[in-house]
Protein backbone atom coordinates (compact mmCIF):
# COMPACT_ATOMS: atom_id res chain seq x y z
CA MET A 1 87.36 123.75 142.90
CA LYS A 2 87.30 120.26 144.93
CA LYS A 3 84.63 118.91 141.98
CA LYS A 4 87.10 119.96 139.29
CA GLY A 5 89.72 117.60 140.65
CA PRO A 6 88.08 113.76 139.29
CA LEU A 7 87.56 115.70 136.09
CA TYR A 8 90.81 116.34 135.47
CA ALA A 9 92.02 112.98 136.64
CA LEU A 10 89.41 111.21 134.59
CA PHE A 11 90.72 113.91 131.14
CA LEU A 12 94.82 113.00 132.68
CA SER A 13 93.61 108.94 132.12
CA LEU A 14 92.29 109.27 129.09
CA ILE A 15 94.69 110.86 127.47
CA LEU A 16 97.27 107.95 128.54
CA LEU A 17 95.43 105.72 128.20
CA LEU A 18 93.20 106.36 125.08
CA PRO A 19 97.15 105.55 122.62
CA GLY A 20 96.83 101.93 123.57
CA CYS A 21 93.79 101.44 121.86
CA SER A 22 95.32 101.20 118.43
CA SER A 23 98.94 100.93 117.37
CA LEU A 24 100.38 104.24 115.35
CA THR A 25 101.15 101.97 112.40
CA VAL A 26 102.65 104.66 110.32
CA LEU A 27 105.73 105.09 112.58
CA ASN A 28 106.35 101.59 112.63
CA PRO A 29 107.13 101.16 108.80
CA LYS A 30 108.32 98.12 107.60
CA GLY A 31 110.10 99.00 103.81
CA PRO A 32 112.11 101.85 103.17
CA SER A 33 109.44 104.27 101.32
CA ALA A 34 107.38 104.19 105.20
CA ARG A 35 110.61 104.51 107.19
CA THR A 36 111.57 107.76 105.10
CA LEU A 37 108.25 108.99 106.19
CA SER A 38 108.19 107.67 109.69
CA ASP A 39 111.68 109.61 110.40
CA THR A 40 110.70 112.72 109.25
CA ILE A 41 107.02 112.64 111.19
CA ILE A 42 109.60 111.82 114.29
CA LEU A 43 111.77 114.60 112.95
CA SER A 44 109.27 116.75 112.80
CA ILE A 45 107.43 116.25 116.11
CA VAL A 46 110.48 116.78 118.24
CA VAL A 47 111.59 120.48 116.35
CA MET A 48 107.70 120.82 117.59
CA LEU A 49 108.13 120.03 120.99
CA GLY A 50 111.57 121.55 121.00
CA VAL A 51 109.72 125.06 120.12
CA LEU A 52 106.96 124.23 122.69
CA ALA A 53 109.98 123.70 125.51
CA VAL A 54 111.38 127.10 124.89
CA VAL A 55 107.98 129.03 124.34
CA TYR A 56 106.44 127.39 128.08
CA ILE A 57 109.91 128.10 130.32
CA LEU A 58 109.84 131.55 128.48
CA TYR A 59 106.12 131.57 129.85
CA ILE A 60 106.95 130.23 132.65
CA PHE A 61 109.76 132.44 133.52
CA VAL A 62 107.99 135.68 132.36
CA LEU A 63 105.02 135.00 135.05
CA VAL A 64 107.36 133.81 137.87
CA LYS A 65 109.45 136.95 137.31
CA TYR A 66 107.43 139.87 136.61
CA ARG A 67 104.38 138.87 138.98
CA ALA A 68 102.40 141.19 140.74
CA LYS A 69 103.44 141.57 144.36
CA LYS A 70 104.12 143.32 147.47
CA SER A 71 107.29 144.85 146.97
CA ASN A 72 106.79 145.89 144.06
CA GLU A 73 103.25 147.66 144.61
CA GLY A 74 103.35 150.84 142.26
CA TYR A 75 105.83 150.30 139.87
CA ILE A 76 106.15 151.71 137.01
CA PRO A 77 108.73 150.40 134.39
CA GLU A 78 111.03 152.95 132.29
CA HIS A 79 109.38 153.14 128.56
CA GLU A 80 111.84 151.21 126.04
CA GLU A 81 111.41 151.43 122.59
CA GLY A 82 112.55 147.92 121.82
CA ASN A 83 115.73 145.54 121.64
CA LYS A 84 116.90 144.78 118.04
CA VAL A 85 119.15 141.94 119.20
CA LEU A 86 115.62 140.05 120.60
CA GLU A 87 113.47 141.04 117.48
CA ALA A 88 116.33 139.66 115.32
CA ILE A 89 116.21 136.44 117.42
CA TRP A 90 112.51 135.84 117.26
CA ILE A 91 112.30 136.76 112.85
CA ILE A 92 115.58 134.85 112.41
CA ILE A 93 114.92 131.60 114.59
CA PRO A 94 111.58 130.91 112.88
CA ILE A 95 112.85 131.49 109.42
CA ILE A 96 115.67 128.71 110.49
CA ILE A 97 113.29 126.49 111.16
CA VAL A 98 111.16 126.70 108.42
CA ALA A 99 114.00 126.45 105.32
CA PHE A 100 114.78 123.31 107.83
CA LEU A 101 111.64 121.54 107.69
CA SER A 102 110.76 122.76 104.25
CA VAL A 103 114.50 121.32 102.56
CA VAL A 104 113.60 117.78 105.01
CA THR A 105 110.10 117.82 103.43
CA VAL A 106 111.36 118.46 99.44
CA LYS A 107 113.80 115.44 100.40
CA THR A 108 111.71 113.12 101.74
CA THR A 109 109.32 113.81 99.11
CA THR A 110 111.61 113.10 96.14
CA GLU A 111 112.80 109.82 98.03
CA VAL A 112 109.36 108.68 98.15
CA GLU A 113 108.53 109.67 94.92
CA ASN A 114 111.08 107.32 93.11
CA VAL A 115 112.45 103.55 93.77
CA ALA A 116 114.31 102.99 97.18
CA ALA A 117 118.18 103.00 96.59
CA ASP A 118 118.41 99.76 97.64
CA TYR A 119 116.47 98.70 94.86
CA LYS A 120 117.55 101.12 92.35
CA ASP A 121 118.74 97.88 90.16
CA GLN A 122 115.96 96.41 89.85
CA THR A 123 112.80 96.39 87.11
CA PRO A 124 109.62 97.33 89.57
CA LEU A 125 106.81 94.83 89.39
CA VAL A 126 104.11 96.71 87.87
CA ILE A 127 100.49 96.33 89.69
CA TYR A 128 97.65 98.56 88.34
CA ALA A 129 95.33 99.58 91.24
CA SER A 130 91.77 100.71 89.97
CA SER A 131 89.34 101.31 91.94
CA SER A 132 85.42 101.26 91.91
CA ASN A 133 82.36 102.05 94.43
CA TRP A 134 83.37 100.19 97.19
CA LYS A 135 86.41 98.18 96.04
CA TRP A 136 89.89 97.61 94.87
CA HIS A 137 91.06 95.85 91.55
CA PHE A 138 94.64 94.96 91.32
CA SER A 139 95.71 93.71 87.96
CA TYR A 140 99.45 92.32 87.42
CA PRO A 141 99.86 92.69 83.87
CA GLU A 142 103.34 90.64 83.83
CA GLU A 143 101.48 87.51 85.59
CA GLY A 144 98.17 88.02 83.81
CA ILE A 145 96.34 87.53 86.96
CA GLU A 146 94.30 90.06 88.65
CA THR A 147 92.31 90.08 92.54
CA VAL A 148 89.83 92.33 94.31
CA ASN A 149 90.37 93.74 97.24
CA TYR A 150 93.50 91.91 98.15
CA VAL A 151 97.07 92.12 97.12
CA ASN A 152 100.41 89.88 97.09
CA MET A 153 103.51 90.98 96.33
CA PRO A 154 107.23 89.54 97.22
CA VAL A 155 109.51 90.72 99.95
CA HIS A 156 113.27 92.57 99.05
CA ARG A 157 111.22 93.56 95.38
CA ALA A 158 110.70 96.74 93.91
CA VAL A 159 106.47 97.47 93.14
CA GLU A 160 105.06 99.94 91.19
CA PHE A 161 101.08 100.61 91.51
CA ARG A 162 99.81 102.95 89.12
CA MET A 163 96.45 103.89 90.57
CA TYR A 164 93.29 105.40 88.79
CA SER A 165 89.81 105.48 89.55
CA PHE A 166 85.94 103.97 87.74
CA GLY A 167 84.44 106.13 90.61
CA THR A 168 85.24 109.47 91.94
CA ILE A 169 88.48 110.39 93.42
CA THR A 170 90.51 107.92 95.97
CA SER A 171 93.80 107.35 97.70
CA LEU A 172 95.42 104.32 98.41
CA TRP A 173 97.45 103.57 101.20
CA ILE A 174 99.21 100.76 103.15
CA PRO A 175 100.52 102.57 106.51
CA GLN A 176 103.59 100.60 107.13
CA LEU A 177 104.81 100.17 103.61
CA ALA A 178 104.30 103.61 101.71
CA GLY A 179 102.54 107.01 102.00
CA GLN A 180 99.04 107.47 100.08
CA LYS A 181 98.57 108.34 97.02
CA TYR A 182 95.62 109.57 94.71
CA ALA A 183 93.45 107.62 92.18
CA MET A 184 91.96 109.57 89.58
CA SER A 185 89.10 108.69 86.34
CA ASP A 186 91.32 110.33 83.81
CA MET A 187 95.02 109.78 84.53
CA LEU A 188 97.32 107.38 86.16
CA THR A 189 99.31 108.37 89.20
CA THR A 190 102.04 105.81 90.28
CA LEU A 191 103.33 105.17 93.73
CA HIS A 192 107.29 103.36 94.62
CA LEU A 193 107.04 101.05 97.85
CA SER A 194 108.42 98.10 98.63
CA ALA A 195 109.35 95.79 101.58
CA ASP A 196 111.66 94.22 104.11
CA THR A 197 109.74 91.71 105.91
CA GLU A 198 107.19 89.40 105.34
CA GLY A 199 103.58 89.45 107.00
CA SER A 200 100.05 90.50 106.12
CA TYR A 201 99.42 94.52 106.16
CA ILE A 202 96.01 96.82 105.96
CA GLY A 203 95.15 99.04 103.05
CA LYS A 204 93.40 101.84 102.89
CA ASN A 205 90.74 104.26 101.24
CA ALA A 206 91.92 107.34 102.58
CA ASN A 207 90.10 109.38 100.99
CA PHE A 208 86.77 110.55 102.21
CA SER A 209 84.72 109.35 98.87
CA GLY A 210 81.00 108.50 99.72
CA LYS A 211 79.24 105.97 102.26
CA GLY A 212 80.61 103.07 101.27
CA PHE A 213 84.44 104.55 101.51
CA ALA A 214 84.89 103.32 105.33
CA HIS A 215 84.60 99.37 103.46
CA MET A 216 87.26 100.05 100.97
CA GLU A 217 89.84 98.22 103.18
CA PHE A 218 91.90 95.45 101.95
CA GLU A 219 95.42 93.35 102.67
CA ALA A 220 98.52 93.35 101.62
CA LEU A 221 99.94 90.27 101.66
CA VAL A 222 104.34 90.27 101.73
CA MET A 223 105.49 87.29 100.53
CA SER A 224 109.11 85.17 100.04
CA ASN A 225 109.76 85.08 96.20
CA LYS A 226 108.90 81.16 96.05
CA ASP A 227 105.54 81.71 97.79
CA TYR A 228 104.81 84.68 95.96
CA ASP A 229 105.59 82.38 92.89
CA GLU A 230 103.76 79.34 93.46
CA TRP A 231 100.79 81.70 94.34
CA VAL A 232 101.07 83.17 91.10
CA ASN A 233 100.73 79.88 89.61
CA ASP A 234 98.08 78.25 91.51
CA VAL A 235 96.41 81.40 90.72
CA LYS A 236 97.15 80.41 86.92
CA GLU A 237 95.92 77.37 87.08
CA THR A 238 92.83 77.11 89.61
CA ALA A 239 91.37 81.05 89.14
CA PRO A 240 88.32 81.55 86.43
CA GLU A 241 89.54 84.49 83.62
CA LEU A 242 87.76 87.35 83.72
CA THR A 243 85.47 88.19 80.82
CA GLU A 244 83.83 91.71 80.05
CA ASP A 245 80.64 90.88 81.40
CA GLU A 246 81.92 89.71 84.73
CA PHE A 247 84.28 92.90 84.61
CA LYS A 248 80.85 95.19 84.99
CA SER A 249 79.02 92.91 87.11
CA LEU A 250 82.41 93.67 89.62
CA LEU A 251 81.80 97.36 88.97
CA ALA A 252 78.27 97.56 89.08
CA THR A 253 78.61 95.47 92.80
CA ASP A 254 79.02 97.32 95.70
CA PHE A 255 80.52 95.35 98.50
CA LEU A 256 82.37 92.31 97.37
CA GLY A 257 84.39 90.08 99.11
CA ARG A 258 88.01 88.70 97.74
CA LYS A 259 88.07 87.33 93.97
CA THR A 260 90.70 86.37 91.98
CA TYR A 261 90.73 85.84 88.03
CA SER A 262 93.51 84.41 85.96
CA SER A 263 93.58 87.39 83.80
CA THR A 264 93.35 90.80 83.76
CA HIS A 265 90.18 93.82 82.86
CA LEU A 266 93.54 95.67 81.10
CA GLU A 267 92.92 93.81 77.56
CA PHE A 268 89.01 95.40 77.48
CA SER A 269 89.25 98.42 79.64
CA PRO A 270 92.86 99.56 79.05
CA PRO A 271 93.85 102.65 81.87
CA PRO A 272 93.55 105.71 80.47
CA GLY A 273 96.51 107.33 79.15
CA ASP A 274 99.34 105.07 77.16
CA HIS A 275 100.44 102.04 78.22
CA SER A 276 99.92 100.07 75.11
CA GLU A 277 102.85 97.58 76.69
CA HIS A 278 99.84 96.10 79.19
CA MET A 279 97.62 95.64 76.66
CA SER A 280 96.31 93.47 74.00
CA GLY A 281 98.01 93.72 70.40
CA ASP A 282 99.56 97.37 69.81
CA GLY A 283 97.43 99.27 72.17
CA SER A 284 95.29 100.09 69.47
CA GLU A 285 92.05 100.66 72.34
CA MET A 286 93.49 104.35 72.84
CA ASP A 287 91.55 106.34 70.51
CA MET A 288 91.39 109.17 72.83
CA ASP A 289 93.12 111.70 74.48
CA ASN A 290 92.56 111.37 77.82
CA GLY A 291 92.06 107.79 78.06
CA SER A 292 90.52 104.56 76.26
CA GLU A 293 87.21 104.93 75.19
CA GLU A 294 86.63 101.45 76.75
CA HIS A 295 87.68 103.25 80.58
CA GLN A 296 85.19 106.11 79.82
CA ASP A 297 82.33 103.43 78.98
CA ASN A 298 82.94 101.94 82.05
CA LYS A 299 83.33 105.14 84.30
CA GLU A 300 79.79 105.59 83.35
CA ILE A 301 78.41 102.80 85.74
CA HIS A 302 79.85 105.54 88.98
CA PRO A 303 79.26 108.90 87.01
CA SER A 304 79.79 111.82 88.94
CA PRO A 305 76.69 113.19 90.57
CA GLU A 306 76.01 116.13 88.19
CA PRO A 307 75.84 119.97 89.71
CA SER A 308 72.15 121.22 90.46
CA SER A 309 71.50 124.51 88.98
CA GLY A 310 69.57 125.73 91.55
CA THR A 311 69.90 125.55 95.23
CA GLU A 312 67.56 126.63 98.34
CA PHE A 313 69.64 130.28 98.50
CA ASP A 314 67.95 131.15 95.26
CA SER A 315 65.01 131.74 97.15
CA GLU A 316 63.80 134.71 99.36
CA PRO A 317 64.58 133.73 102.79
CA ASP A 318 61.77 133.20 105.03
CA PRO A 319 62.59 134.90 107.89
CA GLU A 320 59.58 133.24 110.24
CA VAL A 321 60.37 129.37 110.50
CA GLU A 322 57.05 127.52 111.98
CA GLN A 323 58.15 123.93 111.37
CA PRO A 324 61.27 122.43 112.46
CA LEU A 325 64.40 122.23 109.74
CA PRO A 326 64.66 119.33 108.45
CA SER A 327 67.60 116.54 108.82
CA SER A 328 70.76 115.92 106.73
CA PRO A 329 69.52 114.53 103.77
CA VAL A 330 73.09 112.65 104.02
CA ASP A 331 71.90 111.45 107.27
CA ALA A 332 68.59 110.40 105.70
CA GLU A 333 70.41 108.18 103.05
CA THR A 334 72.67 106.58 105.50
CA HIS A 335 69.68 105.62 107.62
CA ASP A 336 67.50 104.47 104.59
CA GLY A 337 70.32 102.15 103.70
CA ASN A 338 70.76 101.05 107.36
C-alpha cells in the first residue's frame, strides 16, 4: 500500500497540471454564436455535476449508515415491497433533467443556425468555404477575391459561410467564433457567425478526413471595417487573378501555404446547387440537378475510394497462423509518407 502513495500523488498532479497545457478556446468565446454554445456547455456541466454530487452524497450516506458493525451482527432487515414515493422521485427527476437539457439544446441550436439577434438588421457577408485535400479555399463573391488557408472578416458584421467540399467530408470549425459545420461534395451547408472582438483565431478541420487533415488549420483574422476595406482593395490591386488551370493545380497539390487572388473560382467552377447570383452571367453553368458540371469535374481530382468487391473475410479461415500478422496498411502508408 505504501508504494501506491506516490502513484496516486503523480496521478493527481497530472490531473491538476495538464489542463494548463492548452486553453479551452471553446470556453473563451469572441462572438454571439460561440458565446451561446459556451453557455450551453457550462450549463450542461453544472447540471451533470449536480447529479454527480447527489449520487455521491447518497452513496457515502448509505455506506456509512448501513455499514456492517458489531452492534448489528446477525441483523436481518424486514422484507419490504418497495417505496412508491422514492420510486416516483428517481423516475420523475431524470425525466425533468432530460427535458430541461432538451429544451436548452433545441433553443441553442435554433439560435446558432440563424444570424445573431444583434446583427439581424445587417446583410451578411457571404464567404464560400470549400475544402480540398488538405486545404481551405475562401471565396468572397461580393469583393471578387479569394484566399487559400486563411480568411479575413470585419468585426461586428454578420458573416455567412457557405461550405462544400471537392473531396471527402470535412468540418469547418472556428472554436472562438462558432460551432463546427460539415462541408460535403454535392450540397451546400451554411454557418452563421460574427465576431465582437478583433483578433486572430484558429480555424481547423474538425472531421477526420484522411492522413493530411491535421494540416487543415487556418487563421481567421477579425479586422476593423477600415482595415478590412483596405485589405480588400490591396488584394484587388496587387494579387494575381485565379485562372482555371491555376485552380486545378491548387486542387491537385496536397499541402499549400497562404495564397491570395484577385478573382474567384466561382465563375468557372460554381458550387453545388443553384447560386447564380454569385456566378458569371445568369447562372447557365448549372446543368445538373446535384451540383454543376464544373464542380463534378473538379471533384474527380480527389475521388472517393471505390469499395472493394471482396474482403479478407471471404476466404476460409486458417486456424493455424505460422507467420506474424501483417502491420496495418494505414500505418504502412503513414511511414512511407514520412
